[in-house]
Amino acid sequence: MKIVKFFVSKAFWISVIVALLLCVLGAFIALQWLDKTTNHDQRIEVPNITKLTSEQAINKLKESKLQMVVLDTLDFNKNIPPLSIVEQNPKAATFVKENRKIYVKINAAKYRNLMLPNLEDLTYRQALTMITSLGLRKGKVSYSPSIAKDVVLRVSQNGKELKQGDQVQKNSVIDFVLGDGRAPLSPEQLDVAPAIE
């Protein structure tokens, strides 16, 4: 009986109303705070910053109240200016909130340097496969007297002879001097040849 009296008492209903008002007030304050801190309904269009330098991109993003973060430097692409933005995430024309970070990848300043492998005494086909796999290009091919036909005698770049371990830039041109297979044997070489019985 005392329990029933408690539930119908004035003190109980005042406590219930105060608790409900506090819950409603707390929910209202929480929603207002979330609205301000999460920038609800705010839409900033991401500008296109590809092919811009880092400095230009940072300035353009600051105008839109956005930030830039460099993720990586990619291999040099000759179709894009050096040290400019290659990719961005989120993409241009998407909508984000204020102070959002835009992640970018930048084009390298130049092709990277490679260590030249040993190409001497390889067949031309083997040497060509090797340089192509490294990202180098075939240049002029000339022939020199040698008993070995189409075997690499020397390689050069811009007239400078190259050896194994020399640094060359990726995508550069390598010139070949190959054996023509027509070198006559000298009398000394003939004397060394085994006799046929």
Protein backbone atom coordinates (compact mmCIF):
# COMPACT_ATOMS: atom_id res chain seq x y z
CA MET A 1 0.00 0.00 0.00
CA LYS A 2 2.87 2.35 0.76
CA ILE A 3 4.27 1.68 -2.72
CA VAL A 4 1.01 2.73 -4.39
CA LYS A 5 0.88 5.90 -2.27
CA PHE A 6 4.46 6.72 -3.33
CA PHE A 7 3.61 6.44 -7.05
CA VAL A 8 0.61 8.76 -6.73
CA SER A 9 2.31 11.24 -4.45
CA LYS A 10 3.11 14.79 -5.50
CA ALA A 11 6.86 14.34 -4.74
CA PHE A 12 7.12 11.39 -7.15
CA TRP A 13 5.54 13.25 -10.06
CA ILE A 14 7.66 16.36 -9.44
CA SER A 15 10.77 14.15 -9.51
CA VAL A 16 9.61 12.49 -12.77
CA ILE A 17 8.91 15.87 -14.42
CA VAL A 18 12.27 17.30 -13.28
CA ALA A 19 14.08 14.18 -14.57
CA LEU A 20 12.31 14.43 -17.95
CA LEU A 21 13.11 18.14 -18.22
CA LEU A 22 16.76 17.45 -17.39
CA CYS A 23 16.87 14.69 -20.05
CA VAL A 24 15.31 16.97 -22.69
CA LEU A 25 17.63 19.83 -21.73
CA GLY A 26 20.68 17.50 -21.77
CA ALA A 27 19.71 16.12 -25.19
CA PHE A 28 19.20 19.65 -26.54
CA ILE A 29 22.61 20.80 -25.24
CA ALA A 30 24.31 17.66 -26.59
CA LEU A 31 22.76 18.13 -30.05
CA GLN A 32 23.78 21.80 -30.16
CA TRP A 33 27.33 20.91 -29.12
CA LEU A 34 27.54 18.13 -31.74
CA ASP A 35 26.18 20.48 -34.39
CA LYS A 36 28.93 23.00 -33.71
CA THR A 37 31.83 20.55 -33.29
CA THR A 38 31.00 18.26 -36.22
CA ASN A 39 30.08 21.14 -38.57
CA HIS A 40 26.80 19.46 -39.43
CA ASP A 41 25.28 20.55 -42.77
CA GLN A 42 28.53 22.23 -43.75
CA ARG A 43 29.63 21.50 -47.32
CA ILE A 44 32.91 22.68 -48.80
CA GLU A 45 33.65 21.63 -52.36
CA VAL A 46 37.15 20.16 -52.74
CA PRO A 47 39.06 22.12 -55.41
CA ASN A 48 41.07 20.38 -58.13
CA ILE A 49 44.72 20.68 -57.11
CA THR A 50 46.26 18.15 -59.51
CA LYS A 51 49.18 19.48 -61.59
CA LEU A 52 49.70 22.33 -59.10
CA THR A 53 52.91 22.71 -57.10
CA SER A 54 52.73 21.97 -53.38
CA GLU A 55 52.83 25.67 -52.51
CA GLN A 56 50.04 26.53 -54.96
CA ALA A 57 47.94 23.62 -53.67
CA ILE A 58 48.40 24.64 -50.03
CA ASN A 59 47.31 28.22 -50.82
CA LYS A 60 44.28 27.03 -52.80
CA LEU A 61 43.24 24.66 -49.99
CA LYS A 62 43.69 27.39 -47.33
CA GLU A 63 41.19 29.55 -49.23
CA SER A 64 38.67 26.72 -48.79
CA LYS A 65 39.72 26.12 -45.15
CA LEU A 66 41.17 22.69 -45.98
CA GLN A 67 44.55 21.13 -45.14
CA MET A 68 47.02 19.19 -47.31
CA VAL A 69 48.96 16.08 -46.25
CA VAL A 70 51.61 14.56 -48.57
CA LEU A 71 51.36 10.77 -48.57
CA ASP A 72 54.02 9.78 -51.09
CA THR A 73 56.29 10.82 -53.94
CA LEU A 74 55.64 8.79 -57.09
CA ASP A 75 58.06 7.88 -59.89
CA PHE A 76 58.68 10.78 -62.26
CA ASN A 77 56.04 11.23 -64.96
CA LYS A 78 57.21 13.47 -67.81
CA ASN A 79 53.60 14.46 -68.65
CA ILE A 80 53.16 16.14 -65.26
CA PRO A 81 55.28 19.07 -64.01
CA PRO A 82 58.01 18.06 -61.51
CA LEU A 83 57.05 18.25 -57.82
CA SER A 84 53.37 18.81 -58.62
CA ILE A 85 50.31 16.98 -57.35
CA VAL A 86 49.54 13.73 -59.20
CA GLU A 87 46.65 12.35 -57.13
CA GLN A 88 44.38 13.71 -54.42
CA ASN A 89 41.96 12.09 -52.00
CA PRO A 90 39.11 13.06 -51.63
CA LYS A 91 38.74 13.77 -55.33
CA ALA A 92 37.96 17.21 -56.73
CA ALA A 93 34.30 18.34 -56.70
CA THR A 94 33.38 16.17 -53.70
CA PHE A 95 32.02 17.83 -50.57
CA VAL A 96 33.76 17.76 -47.20
CA LYS A 97 33.69 19.65 -43.91
CA GLU A 98 35.94 22.50 -42.79
CA ASN A 99 39.56 21.63 -41.82
CA ARG A 100 39.38 18.28 -43.64
CA LYS A 101 42.76 16.85 -44.67
CA ILE A 102 43.31 16.32 -48.39
CA TYR A 103 45.85 13.54 -48.97
CA VAL A 104 48.08 13.95 -52.03
CA LYS A 105 50.78 12.12 -53.98
CA ILE A 106 53.49 14.19 -55.65
CA ASN A 107 55.43 13.70 -58.89
CA ALA A 108 59.18 13.26 -58.34
CA ALA A 109 61.55 16.04 -59.46
CA LYS A 110 63.34 13.79 -61.96
CA TYR A 111 63.84 10.19 -62.93
CA ARG A 112 65.64 8.21 -60.25
CA ASN A 113 69.18 6.93 -60.75
CA LEU A 114 69.84 3.26 -61.42
CA MET A 115 72.97 1.18 -61.13
CA LEU A 116 73.98 -0.19 -64.53
CA PRO A 117 74.28 -3.99 -64.55
CA ASN A 118 77.06 -5.83 -66.35
CA LEU A 119 76.07 -5.87 -70.02
CA GLU A 120 79.40 -6.80 -71.58
CA ASP A 121 79.67 -10.25 -73.16
CA LEU A 122 75.88 -10.67 -73.16
CA THR A 123 74.00 -11.17 -76.39
CA TYR A 124 72.28 -8.06 -77.68
CA ARG A 125 68.88 -9.64 -76.99
CA GLN A 126 69.79 -10.40 -73.35
CA ALA A 127 71.20 -6.90 -72.80
CA LEU A 128 68.17 -5.26 -74.39
CA THR A 129 65.79 -7.26 -72.18
CA MET A 130 67.81 -6.31 -69.11
CA ILE A 131 67.87 -2.55 -69.78
CA THR A 132 64.20 -2.48 -70.77
CA SER A 133 63.21 -4.16 -67.51
CA LEU A 134 65.15 -1.46 -65.63
CA GLY A 135 63.32 1.35 -67.45
CA LEU A 136 66.19 2.30 -69.78
CA ARG A 137 65.85 2.80 -73.54
CA LYS A 138 67.82 1.46 -76.49
CA GLY A 139 69.93 4.00 -78.32
CA LYS A 140 72.26 3.71 -81.31
CA VAL A 141 73.68 0.33 -82.24
CA SER A 142 77.07 0.17 -83.95
CA TYR A 143 79.34 -2.74 -84.81
CA SER A 144 83.01 -3.35 -84.19
CA PRO A 145 85.27 -6.16 -85.42
CA SER A 146 84.93 -9.15 -83.13
CA ILE A 147 84.65 -12.86 -83.52
CA ALA A 148 81.43 -12.86 -81.46
CA LYS A 149 78.45 -11.73 -83.54
CA ASP A 150 75.83 -9.55 -81.77
CA VAL A 151 77.61 -9.75 -78.43
CA VAL A 152 77.86 -6.52 -76.41
CA LEU A 153 81.43 -5.20 -76.46
CA ARG A 154 80.78 -1.78 -74.90
CA VAL A 155 77.89 0.44 -73.81
CA SER A 156 77.85 4.22 -73.66
CA GLN A 157 75.66 7.20 -72.95
CA ASN A 158 76.15 10.59 -74.62
CA GLY A 159 79.55 9.43 -75.87
CA LYS A 160 80.80 8.39 -72.42
CA GLU A 161 81.64 4.72 -72.01
CA LEU A 162 79.78 3.05 -69.15
CA LYS A 163 80.86 0.19 -66.91
CA GLN A 164 79.00 -2.05 -64.49
CA GLY A 165 77.90 -0.10 -61.39
CA ASP A 166 77.81 3.33 -63.08
CA GLN A 167 74.78 5.47 -62.20
CA VAL A 168 72.37 6.21 -65.04
CA GLN A 169 69.02 7.97 -64.92
CA LYS A 170 65.89 5.89 -65.47
CA ASN A 171 64.39 6.37 -68.97
CA SER A 172 67.77 7.43 -70.38
CA VAL A 173 69.21 6.08 -73.64
CA ILE A 174 71.98 3.47 -73.74
CA ASP A 175 74.08 3.07 -76.92
CA PHE A 176 75.55 -0.33 -77.83
CA VAL A 177 78.70 -1.44 -79.63
CA LEU A 178 78.24 -5.04 -80.78
CA GLY A 179 80.56 -7.58 -82.32
CA ASP A 180 80.13 -8.01 -86.08
CA GLY A 181 81.31 -11.63 -86.20
CA ARG A 182 83.90 -10.88 -88.93
CA ALA A 183 87.13 -10.46 -87.03
CA PRO A 184 89.86 -12.53 -88.65
CA LEU A 185 91.97 -14.74 -86.46
CA SER A 186 95.56 -13.62 -86.01
CA PRO A 187 98.45 -16.06 -86.64
CA GLU A 188 98.93 -16.33 -82.86
CA GLN A 189 95.30 -17.35 -82.41
CA LEU A 190 95.66 -19.91 -85.21
CA ASP A 191 98.72 -21.42 -83.52
CA VAL A 192 96.74 -21.87 -80.30
CA ALA A 193 93.84 -23.61 -82.04
CA PRO A 194 93.88 -27.38 -81.49
CA ALA A 195 94.93 -29.54 -84.39
CA ILE A 196 92.27 -31.61 -86.06
CA GLU A 197 93.26 -35.20 -86.69
